[in-house]
Amino acid sequence: MKSTLLAMVCLFIFSCNTKSGKDLQTTEIQTFTLTAREKIKSSDSIMHRSVTNNTGNTIEQSYNLTNATAVFKVNGESIPVKQDTVASGIQYSNDRYLYKEHRGNIELYKDGRLVWDNIK
């Protein structure tokens, strides 16, 4: 009983100790607007990350979680995509590209051919 109570108190303390994402979100929206060339509302939830594979190639990712779209930047090319519904992992696509991520393994296909991955 004591350990459960201690765990709940610790969870409350640490979860309330996070920064408000409002300032960060404003900065990220400006970055996403430049790469996506979409109209972004200030209420949209934007997330950025970049992943480098074992050959040193990087994919930059900007996700608009509000409207289920993303922009991936690989080799200087910006690729706008929409989120697809999948049972496990995430998947985004457009008419030429397919992006799949499952358990940290990322694959990007162009016209059915693998062009970027981080699978070892």
N, C-alpha and C. Protein backbone atom coordinates (compact mmCIF):
# COMPACT_ATOMS: atom_id res chain seq x y z
N MET A 1 0.82 -1.19 0.00
CA MET A 1 0.00 0.00 0.00
C MET A 1 0.87 1.25 0.00
N LYS A 2 1.94 1.24 0.83
CA LYS A 2 2.82 2.40 0.90
C LYS A 2 3.52 2.63 -0.43
N SER A 3 3.95 1.55 -1.08
CA SER A 3 4.65 1.70 -2.35
C SER A 3 3.72 2.23 -3.44
N THR A 4 2.45 1.83 -3.41
CA THR A 4 1.49 2.34 -4.37
C THR A 4 1.25 3.83 -4.17
N LEU A 5 1.11 4.23 -2.92
CA LEU A 5 0.91 5.64 -2.61
C LEU A 5 2.14 6.46 -3.00
N LEU A 6 3.33 5.95 -2.72
CA LEU A 6 4.57 6.63 -3.08
C LEU A 6 4.68 6.78 -4.60
N ALA A 7 4.33 5.73 -5.33
CA ALA A 7 4.39 5.77 -6.79
C ALA A 7 3.41 6.81 -7.34
N MET A 8 2.22 6.89 -6.76
CA MET A 8 1.23 7.87 -7.21
C MET A 8 1.70 9.30 -6.93
N VAL A 9 2.30 9.53 -5.76
CA VAL A 9 2.81 10.86 -5.42
C VAL A 9 3.93 11.25 -6.38
N CYS A 10 4.85 10.33 -6.64
CA CYS A 10 5.96 10.61 -7.57
C CYS A 10 5.44 10.90 -8.97
N LEU A 11 4.48 10.13 -9.42
CA LEU A 11 3.90 10.35 -10.74
C LEU A 11 3.27 11.74 -10.83
N PHE A 12 2.54 12.13 -9.78
CA PHE A 12 1.91 13.45 -9.76
C PHE A 12 2.96 14.55 -9.79
N ILE A 13 4.00 14.43 -9.00
CA ILE A 13 5.04 15.46 -8.92
C ILE A 13 5.75 15.61 -10.26
N PHE A 14 6.16 14.50 -10.85
CA PHE A 14 6.92 14.57 -12.09
C PHE A 14 6.04 14.95 -13.28
N SER A 15 4.79 14.55 -13.30
CA SER A 15 3.93 14.91 -14.42
C SER A 15 3.54 16.38 -14.37
N CYS A 16 3.48 16.97 -13.21
CA CYS A 16 3.14 18.39 -13.09
C CYS A 16 4.36 19.28 -13.27
N ASN A 17 5.51 18.70 -13.40
CA ASN A 17 6.75 19.47 -13.48
C ASN A 17 7.19 19.69 -14.92
N THR A 18 6.32 19.46 -15.90
CA THR A 18 6.70 19.63 -17.30
C THR A 18 6.43 21.06 -17.74
N LYS A 19 7.16 21.51 -18.76
CA LYS A 19 6.99 22.86 -19.30
C LYS A 19 5.75 22.92 -20.18
N SER A 20 5.17 24.07 -20.24
CA SER A 20 4.06 24.29 -21.16
C SER A 20 4.61 24.29 -22.57
N GLY A 21 3.98 23.60 -23.50
CA GLY A 21 4.48 23.51 -24.86
C GLY A 21 4.04 24.67 -25.73
N LYS A 22 3.39 25.69 -25.15
CA LYS A 22 2.83 26.77 -25.97
C LYS A 22 3.91 27.54 -26.72
N ASP A 23 4.99 27.96 -26.05
CA ASP A 23 6.05 28.70 -26.73
C ASP A 23 6.74 27.83 -27.77
N LEU A 24 7.04 26.59 -27.41
CA LEU A 24 7.68 25.67 -28.34
C LEU A 24 6.79 25.42 -29.55
N GLN A 25 5.50 25.28 -29.32
CA GLN A 25 4.58 25.00 -30.41
C GLN A 25 4.54 26.15 -31.41
N THR A 26 4.59 27.39 -30.93
CA THR A 26 4.59 28.54 -31.83
C THR A 26 5.80 28.51 -32.74
N THR A 27 6.98 28.23 -32.18
CA THR A 27 8.19 28.15 -32.98
C THR A 27 8.09 27.04 -34.01
N GLU A 28 7.60 25.88 -33.59
CA GLU A 28 7.49 24.75 -34.50
C GLU A 28 6.49 25.01 -35.61
N ILE A 29 5.43 25.72 -35.34
CA ILE A 29 4.44 26.01 -36.37
C ILE A 29 5.08 26.84 -37.48
N GLN A 30 5.91 27.80 -37.11
CA GLN A 30 6.57 28.62 -38.12
C GLN A 30 7.47 27.75 -38.99
N THR A 31 8.21 26.82 -38.40
CA THR A 31 9.08 25.94 -39.16
C THR A 31 8.26 25.05 -40.09
N PHE A 32 7.17 24.48 -39.59
CA PHE A 32 6.34 23.60 -40.39
C PHE A 32 5.71 24.35 -41.55
N THR A 33 5.31 25.60 -41.33
CA THR A 33 4.70 26.39 -42.38
C THR A 33 5.68 26.59 -43.53
N LEU A 34 6.94 26.81 -43.22
CA LEU A 34 7.94 27.02 -44.26
C LEU A 34 8.17 25.75 -45.08
N THR A 35 8.17 24.59 -44.42
CA THR A 35 8.46 23.36 -45.14
C THR A 35 7.22 22.78 -45.82
N ALA A 36 6.06 22.91 -45.20
CA ALA A 36 4.86 22.27 -45.74
C ALA A 36 4.11 23.15 -46.72
N ARG A 37 4.32 24.46 -46.64
CA ARG A 37 3.58 25.41 -47.47
C ARG A 37 2.08 25.20 -47.33
N GLU A 38 1.66 24.91 -46.11
CA GLU A 38 0.24 24.74 -45.81
C GLU A 38 -0.20 25.84 -44.86
N LYS A 39 -1.48 26.06 -44.80
CA LYS A 39 -2.01 27.01 -43.83
C LYS A 39 -2.13 26.29 -42.49
N ILE A 40 -1.38 26.76 -41.51
CA ILE A 40 -1.36 26.13 -40.19
C ILE A 40 -2.05 27.06 -39.20
N LYS A 41 -2.95 26.53 -38.42
CA LYS A 41 -3.61 27.32 -37.38
C LYS A 41 -2.77 27.26 -36.12
N SER A 42 -2.87 28.29 -35.30
CA SER A 42 -2.08 28.32 -34.07
C SER A 42 -2.49 27.21 -33.10
N SER A 43 -3.67 26.63 -33.29
CA SER A 43 -4.11 25.56 -32.42
C SER A 43 -3.62 24.18 -32.87
N ASP A 44 -2.97 24.09 -34.03
CA ASP A 44 -2.48 22.81 -34.52
C ASP A 44 -1.34 22.30 -33.65
N SER A 45 -1.28 21.00 -33.47
CA SER A 45 -0.23 20.36 -32.70
C SER A 45 0.84 19.86 -33.67
N ILE A 46 2.04 20.41 -33.56
CA ILE A 46 3.13 20.11 -34.49
C ILE A 46 4.26 19.41 -33.74
N MET A 47 4.85 18.41 -34.37
CA MET A 47 5.98 17.69 -33.78
C MET A 47 7.08 17.56 -34.83
N HIS A 48 8.33 17.77 -34.43
CA HIS A 48 9.47 17.65 -35.34
C HIS A 48 10.45 16.62 -34.79
N ARG A 49 11.13 15.96 -35.70
CA ARG A 49 12.26 15.11 -35.31
C ARG A 49 13.08 14.82 -36.55
N SER A 50 14.31 14.40 -36.34
CA SER A 50 15.14 13.95 -37.45
C SER A 50 15.81 12.65 -37.04
N VAL A 51 15.98 11.78 -38.02
CA VAL A 51 16.58 10.46 -37.77
C VAL A 51 17.70 10.26 -38.78
N THR A 52 18.84 9.82 -38.29
CA THR A 52 19.99 9.53 -39.15
C THR A 52 20.20 8.02 -39.17
N ASN A 53 20.34 7.46 -40.36
CA ASN A 53 20.53 6.01 -40.46
C ASN A 53 22.02 5.66 -40.35
N ASN A 54 22.34 4.37 -40.45
CA ASN A 54 23.72 3.92 -40.26
C ASN A 54 24.66 4.33 -41.40
N THR A 55 24.13 4.84 -42.52
CA THR A 55 24.99 5.34 -43.59
C THR A 55 25.18 6.85 -43.52
N GLY A 56 24.58 7.49 -42.49
CA GLY A 56 24.75 8.92 -42.29
C GLY A 56 23.71 9.78 -42.98
N ASN A 57 22.74 9.19 -43.65
CA ASN A 57 21.67 9.97 -44.31
C ASN A 57 20.59 10.30 -43.29
N THR A 58 20.09 11.53 -43.36
CA THR A 58 19.11 12.02 -42.38
C THR A 58 17.76 12.26 -43.04
N ILE A 59 16.70 11.92 -42.32
CA ILE A 59 15.35 12.27 -42.73
C ILE A 59 14.81 13.23 -41.67
N GLU A 60 14.36 14.41 -42.10
CA GLU A 60 13.75 15.37 -41.20
C GLU A 60 12.25 15.20 -41.32
N GLN A 61 11.58 15.19 -40.17
CA GLN A 61 10.15 14.91 -40.14
C GLN A 61 9.42 16.01 -39.40
N SER A 62 8.34 16.52 -39.99
CA SER A 62 7.45 17.49 -39.34
C SER A 62 6.04 16.92 -39.43
N TYR A 63 5.46 16.66 -38.26
CA TYR A 63 4.12 16.08 -38.20
C TYR A 63 3.12 17.12 -37.73
N ASN A 64 2.01 17.28 -38.45
CA ASN A 64 0.89 18.07 -37.99
C ASN A 64 -0.13 17.06 -37.46
N LEU A 65 -0.17 16.91 -36.15
CA LEU A 65 -1.01 15.90 -35.53
C LEU A 65 -2.49 16.27 -35.58
N THR A 66 -2.78 17.55 -35.75
CA THR A 66 -4.17 18.00 -35.79
C THR A 66 -4.87 17.57 -37.08
N ASN A 67 -4.19 17.74 -38.23
CA ASN A 67 -4.84 17.38 -39.49
C ASN A 67 -4.25 16.12 -40.14
N ALA A 68 -3.47 15.34 -39.37
CA ALA A 68 -2.94 14.04 -39.82
C ALA A 68 -2.13 14.13 -41.11
N THR A 69 -1.25 15.13 -41.18
CA THR A 69 -0.35 15.27 -42.33
C THR A 69 1.07 15.37 -41.82
N ALA A 70 2.01 15.22 -42.74
CA ALA A 70 3.42 15.33 -42.39
C ALA A 70 4.20 15.80 -43.60
N VAL A 71 5.40 16.30 -43.35
CA VAL A 71 6.33 16.63 -44.42
C VAL A 71 7.65 15.99 -44.03
N PHE A 72 8.20 15.18 -44.94
CA PHE A 72 9.49 14.55 -44.74
C PHE A 72 10.48 15.20 -45.70
N LYS A 73 11.67 15.48 -45.20
CA LYS A 73 12.70 16.07 -46.05
C LYS A 73 13.88 15.11 -46.12
N VAL A 74 14.15 14.64 -47.35
CA VAL A 74 15.24 13.70 -47.59
C VAL A 74 16.01 14.19 -48.81
N ASN A 75 17.32 14.27 -48.68
CA ASN A 75 18.19 14.70 -49.79
C ASN A 75 17.71 16.02 -50.41
N GLY A 76 17.26 16.95 -49.58
CA GLY A 76 16.84 18.26 -50.06
C GLY A 76 15.44 18.31 -50.66
N GLU A 77 14.74 17.18 -50.73
CA GLU A 77 13.40 17.13 -51.30
C GLU A 77 12.36 17.10 -50.18
N SER A 78 11.38 18.00 -50.23
CA SER A 78 10.28 18.00 -49.26
C SER A 78 9.14 17.16 -49.79
N ILE A 79 8.66 16.25 -48.96
CA ILE A 79 7.64 15.29 -49.38
C ILE A 79 6.41 15.44 -48.48
N PRO A 80 5.35 16.12 -48.93
CA PRO A 80 4.12 16.22 -48.15
C PRO A 80 3.30 14.93 -48.28
N VAL A 81 2.83 14.41 -47.15
CA VAL A 81 2.08 13.16 -47.13
C VAL A 81 0.91 13.26 -46.15
N LYS A 82 -0.04 12.33 -46.29
CA LYS A 82 -1.18 12.24 -45.38
C LYS A 82 -1.11 10.91 -44.64
N GLN A 83 -1.60 10.92 -43.41
CA GLN A 83 -1.56 9.72 -42.59
C GLN A 83 -2.58 8.70 -43.06
N ASP A 84 -2.15 7.43 -43.10
CA ASP A 84 -3.02 6.31 -43.43
C ASP A 84 -3.40 5.58 -42.15
N THR A 85 -4.50 4.87 -42.17
CA THR A 85 -4.90 4.07 -41.02
C THR A 85 -4.27 2.69 -41.12
N VAL A 86 -3.54 2.30 -40.08
CA VAL A 86 -2.91 0.98 -40.03
C VAL A 86 -3.16 0.38 -38.65
N ALA A 87 -3.06 -0.94 -38.56
CA ALA A 87 -3.31 -1.62 -37.30
C ALA A 87 -2.18 -1.42 -36.30
N SER A 88 -0.96 -1.33 -36.78
CA SER A 88 0.18 -1.21 -35.89
C SER A 88 1.24 -0.32 -36.54
N GLY A 89 1.87 0.54 -35.77
CA GLY A 89 2.86 1.45 -36.32
C GLY A 89 2.19 2.67 -36.93
N ILE A 90 2.94 3.40 -37.77
CA ILE A 90 2.37 4.54 -38.47
C ILE A 90 2.70 4.44 -39.95
N GLN A 91 1.85 5.05 -40.76
CA GLN A 91 2.08 5.03 -42.20
C GLN A 91 1.53 6.32 -42.79
N TYR A 92 2.34 6.94 -43.65
CA TYR A 92 1.96 8.15 -44.38
C TYR A 92 2.22 7.89 -45.86
N SER A 93 1.42 8.52 -46.73
CA SER A 93 1.65 8.31 -48.16
C SER A 93 1.09 9.47 -48.97
N ASN A 94 1.55 9.52 -50.22
CA ASN A 94 0.94 10.35 -51.26
C ASN A 94 0.97 9.51 -52.53
N ASP A 95 0.78 10.10 -53.69
CA ASP A 95 0.70 9.28 -54.90
C ASP A 95 2.03 8.65 -55.30
N ARG A 96 3.16 9.15 -54.81
CA ARG A 96 4.47 8.58 -55.17
C ARG A 96 5.24 7.97 -54.00
N TYR A 97 4.97 8.43 -52.79
CA TYR A 97 5.76 8.02 -51.63
C TYR A 97 4.94 7.24 -50.62
N LEU A 98 5.62 6.33 -49.92
CA LEU A 98 5.04 5.57 -48.83
C LEU A 98 6.05 5.57 -47.69
N TYR A 99 5.64 6.05 -46.53
CA TYR A 99 6.49 6.08 -45.34
C TYR A 99 5.89 5.13 -44.32
N LYS A 100 6.70 4.20 -43.80
CA LYS A 100 6.24 3.25 -42.80
C LYS A 100 7.19 3.28 -41.61
N GLU A 101 6.61 3.23 -40.41
CA GLU A 101 7.42 3.13 -39.20
C GLU A 101 6.74 2.16 -38.25
N HIS A 102 7.52 1.19 -37.79
CA HIS A 102 7.01 0.20 -36.85
C HIS A 102 8.15 -0.19 -35.91
N ARG A 103 7.92 0.00 -34.62
CA ARG A 103 8.91 -0.35 -33.59
C ARG A 103 10.27 0.29 -33.85
N GLY A 104 10.26 1.55 -34.32
CA GLY A 104 11.50 2.28 -34.55
C GLY A 104 12.16 2.02 -35.89
N ASN A 105 11.65 1.07 -36.65
CA ASN A 105 12.19 0.80 -37.99
C ASN A 105 11.44 1.65 -39.00
N ILE A 106 12.18 2.47 -39.74
CA ILE A 106 11.60 3.40 -40.69
C ILE A 106 11.97 2.99 -42.11
N GLU A 107 10.97 3.05 -43.00
CA GLU A 107 11.20 2.79 -44.42
C GLU A 107 10.46 3.86 -45.23
N LEU A 108 11.14 4.41 -46.24
CA LEU A 108 10.53 5.38 -47.15
C LEU A 108 10.69 4.84 -48.57
N TYR A 109 9.56 4.68 -49.25
CA TYR A 109 9.54 4.16 -50.61
C TYR A 109 9.11 5.26 -51.58
N LYS A 110 9.75 5.30 -52.74
CA LYS A 110 9.34 6.19 -53.83
C LYS A 110 9.01 5.33 -55.03
N ASP A 111 7.79 5.43 -55.50
CA ASP A 111 7.32 4.62 -56.63
C ASP A 111 7.59 3.13 -56.41
N GLY A 112 7.38 2.67 -55.17
CA GLY A 112 7.54 1.26 -54.84
C GLY A 112 8.96 0.81 -54.57
N ARG A 113 9.94 1.71 -54.67
CA ARG A 113 11.34 1.36 -54.46
C ARG A 113 11.84 1.99 -53.17
N LEU A 114 12.52 1.22 -52.32
CA LEU A 114 13.05 1.70 -51.06
C LEU A 114 14.13 2.76 -51.31
N VAL A 115 13.93 3.97 -50.76
CA VAL A 115 14.90 5.05 -50.96
C VAL A 115 15.59 5.47 -49.66
N TRP A 116 15.01 5.10 -48.51
CA TRP A 116 15.63 5.44 -47.22
C TRP A 116 15.11 4.48 -46.16
N ASP A 117 16.02 4.01 -45.31
CA ASP A 117 15.61 3.21 -44.16
C ASP A 117 16.66 3.32 -43.07
N ASN A 118 16.28 2.93 -41.86
CA ASN A 118 17.21 2.91 -40.75
C ASN A 118 17.32 1.51 -40.15
N ILE A 119 16.94 0.52 -40.91
CA ILE A 119 17.00 -0.87 -40.43
C ILE A 119 18.43 -1.39 -40.59
N LYS A 120 18.93 -1.94 -39.50
CA LYS A 120 20.33 -2.40 -39.50
C LYS A 120 20.45 -3.79 -40.06
